[in-house]
Amino acid sequence: MATRRTTTKPLKNTPPEPAVCSPCDGSGMVAATVRVGRKRRPVGQQDGLCLNCLGSGTDPNA
């Protein structure tokens, strides 16, 4: 006689995926304007840490 093989069923109560942070779109980095001089004129942009999610990329309010 052939032996029966049973497969395990997937878990139904899996936690949902965390929501993506909207200011950084999940990357954890945002563009910050660099200003120089007395008149504080903008000269470019650099990457900065997202203050909403603190770099994790997930929405803290979800």
N, C-alpha and C. Protein backbone atom coordinates (compact mmCIF):
# COMPACT_ATOMS: atom_id res chain seq x y z
N MET A 1 0.82 -1.18 0.00
CA MET A 1 0.00 0.00 0.00
C MET A 1 0.87 1.25 0.00
N ALA A 2 0.41 2.27 -0.66
CA ALA A 2 1.15 3.53 -0.71
C ALA A 2 0.87 4.33 0.54
N THR A 3 1.89 5.01 1.02
CA THR A 3 1.69 5.85 2.20
C THR A 3 1.14 7.20 1.77
N ARG A 4 0.28 7.73 2.58
CA ARG A 4 -0.31 9.03 2.29
C ARG A 4 0.57 10.13 2.86
N ARG A 5 0.79 11.14 2.06
CA ARG A 5 1.56 12.28 2.52
C ARG A 5 0.62 13.47 2.69
N THR A 6 0.72 14.10 3.80
CA THR A 6 -0.13 15.27 4.04
C THR A 6 0.74 16.52 4.02
N THR A 7 0.20 17.56 3.48
CA THR A 7 0.91 18.84 3.46
C THR A 7 0.36 19.72 4.56
N THR A 8 1.20 20.58 5.07
CA THR A 8 0.74 21.47 6.13
C THR A 8 0.01 22.65 5.50
N LYS A 9 -1.05 23.05 6.14
CA LYS A 9 -1.84 24.17 5.65
C LYS A 9 -1.16 25.49 6.04
N PRO A 10 -1.25 26.52 5.20
CA PRO A 10 -0.66 27.80 5.57
C PRO A 10 -1.42 28.43 6.73
N LEU A 11 -0.70 29.20 7.51
CA LEU A 11 -1.32 29.87 8.66
C LEU A 11 -2.28 30.94 8.18
N LYS A 12 -3.44 30.99 8.78
CA LYS A 12 -4.43 31.98 8.37
C LYS A 12 -4.23 33.31 9.09
N ASN A 13 -3.64 33.30 10.25
CA ASN A 13 -3.49 34.52 11.04
C ASN A 13 -2.09 35.11 10.89
N THR A 14 -1.64 35.28 9.66
CA THR A 14 -0.34 35.90 9.45
C THR A 14 -0.48 37.40 9.63
N PRO A 15 0.50 38.04 10.23
CA PRO A 15 0.40 39.48 10.43
C PRO A 15 0.45 40.22 9.10
N PRO A 16 -0.30 41.31 8.98
CA PRO A 16 -0.29 42.07 7.72
C PRO A 16 1.04 42.80 7.53
N GLU A 17 1.35 43.12 6.27
CA GLU A 17 2.58 43.87 6.01
C GLU A 17 2.46 45.26 6.60
N PRO A 18 3.54 45.80 7.16
CA PRO A 18 3.47 47.15 7.72
C PRO A 18 3.28 48.17 6.61
N ALA A 19 2.60 49.25 6.94
CA ALA A 19 2.33 50.30 5.97
C ALA A 19 3.61 51.07 5.66
N VAL A 20 3.73 51.54 4.43
CA VAL A 20 4.92 52.27 3.99
C VAL A 20 4.80 53.73 4.43
N CYS A 21 5.89 54.29 4.89
CA CYS A 21 5.95 55.68 5.31
C CYS A 21 5.74 56.58 4.09
N SER A 22 4.84 57.57 4.19
CA SER A 22 4.53 58.39 3.02
C SER A 22 5.58 59.47 2.71
N PRO A 23 6.22 60.14 3.67
CA PRO A 23 7.20 61.16 3.29
C PRO A 23 8.42 60.60 2.55
N CYS A 24 8.87 59.40 2.92
CA CYS A 24 10.08 58.85 2.30
C CYS A 24 9.78 57.70 1.35
N ASP A 25 8.52 57.32 1.19
CA ASP A 25 8.10 56.21 0.32
C ASP A 25 8.78 54.89 0.68
N GLY A 26 9.08 54.70 1.95
CA GLY A 26 9.64 53.43 2.41
C GLY A 26 11.15 53.33 2.34
N SER A 27 11.83 54.36 1.88
CA SER A 27 13.30 54.27 1.76
C SER A 27 14.00 54.66 3.06
N GLY A 28 13.36 55.47 3.89
CA GLY A 28 13.97 55.92 5.14
C GLY A 28 14.81 57.18 4.98
N MET A 29 14.94 57.66 3.73
CA MET A 29 15.74 58.86 3.47
C MET A 29 14.89 59.89 2.75
N VAL A 30 15.10 61.17 3.06
CA VAL A 30 14.42 62.28 2.38
C VAL A 30 15.47 63.29 1.92
N ALA A 31 15.12 64.10 0.92
CA ALA A 31 16.03 65.12 0.43
C ALA A 31 15.98 66.34 1.35
N ALA A 32 17.14 66.81 1.77
CA ALA A 32 17.24 68.00 2.61
C ALA A 32 18.01 69.07 1.85
N THR A 33 17.48 70.28 1.80
CA THR A 33 18.12 71.36 1.07
C THR A 33 19.32 71.88 1.86
N VAL A 34 20.44 72.09 1.16
CA VAL A 34 21.65 72.63 1.77
C VAL A 34 21.68 74.13 1.48
N ARG A 35 21.82 74.95 2.53
CA ARG A 35 21.83 76.40 2.37
C ARG A 35 23.17 76.94 2.87
N VAL A 36 23.69 77.96 2.17
CA VAL A 36 24.98 78.55 2.56
C VAL A 36 24.89 80.06 2.52
N GLY A 37 25.83 80.71 3.19
CA GLY A 37 25.97 82.16 3.14
C GLY A 37 25.05 82.89 4.11
N ARG A 38 25.26 84.22 4.16
CA ARG A 38 24.45 85.05 5.04
C ARG A 38 23.00 85.09 4.61
N LYS A 39 22.77 85.05 3.31
CA LYS A 39 21.41 85.11 2.79
C LYS A 39 20.74 83.74 2.76
N ARG A 40 21.47 82.73 3.17
CA ARG A 40 20.96 81.35 3.26
C ARG A 40 20.40 80.89 1.92
N ARG A 41 21.17 81.07 0.86
CA ARG A 41 20.72 80.66 -0.47
C ARG A 41 20.92 79.16 -0.63
N PRO A 42 19.97 78.50 -1.29
CA PRO A 42 20.09 77.04 -1.49
C PRO A 42 21.11 76.73 -2.59
N VAL A 43 21.98 75.76 -2.34
CA VAL A 43 23.00 75.37 -3.31
C VAL A 43 22.82 73.93 -3.79
N GLY A 44 22.02 73.14 -3.12
CA GLY A 44 21.84 71.75 -3.52
C GLY A 44 21.04 70.98 -2.50
N GLN A 45 21.03 69.67 -2.66
CA GLN A 45 20.31 68.80 -1.74
C GLN A 45 21.18 67.62 -1.35
N GLN A 46 20.92 67.11 -0.17
CA GLN A 46 21.60 65.90 0.29
C GLN A 46 20.57 65.01 0.97
N ASP A 47 20.91 63.74 1.11
CA ASP A 47 20.00 62.80 1.77
C ASP A 47 20.03 63.01 3.27
N GLY A 48 18.85 62.93 3.87
CA GLY A 48 18.73 63.05 5.31
C GLY A 48 17.82 61.96 5.83
N LEU A 49 17.91 61.67 7.10
CA LEU A 49 17.09 60.65 7.74
C LEU A 49 15.64 61.13 7.84
N CYS A 50 14.71 60.27 7.51
CA CYS A 50 13.29 60.62 7.61
C CYS A 50 12.91 60.73 9.08
N LEU A 51 12.37 61.88 9.46
CA LEU A 51 12.02 62.10 10.87
C LEU A 51 10.68 61.49 11.24
N ASN A 52 9.89 61.10 10.24
CA ASN A 52 8.61 60.49 10.53
C ASN A 52 8.78 59.03 10.98
N CYS A 53 9.60 58.28 10.26
CA CYS A 53 9.77 56.85 10.58
C CYS A 53 11.14 56.54 11.18
N LEU A 54 11.99 57.53 11.29
CA LEU A 54 13.36 57.40 11.82
C LEU A 54 14.19 56.37 11.06
N GLY A 55 13.98 56.33 9.74
CA GLY A 55 14.79 55.48 8.89
C GLY A 55 14.31 54.06 8.72
N SER A 56 13.23 53.67 9.37
CA SER A 56 12.76 52.28 9.26
C SER A 56 11.98 52.05 7.97
N GLY A 57 11.34 53.07 7.42
CA GLY A 57 10.56 52.93 6.20
C GLY A 57 9.13 52.50 6.41
N THR A 58 8.73 52.24 7.65
CA THR A 58 7.36 51.84 7.94
C THR A 58 6.63 52.98 8.63
N ASP A 59 5.32 53.05 8.41
CA ASP A 59 4.51 54.12 8.99
C ASP A 59 4.32 53.86 10.48
N PRO A 60 4.76 54.76 11.35
CA PRO A 60 4.64 54.52 12.80
C PRO A 60 3.20 54.65 13.30
N ASN A 61 2.31 55.28 12.53
CA ASN A 61 0.93 55.49 12.97
C ASN A 61 -0.01 54.40 12.50
N ALA A 62 0.51 53.42 11.79
CA ALA A 62 -0.38 52.36 11.27
C ALA A 62 -0.40 51.16 12.19
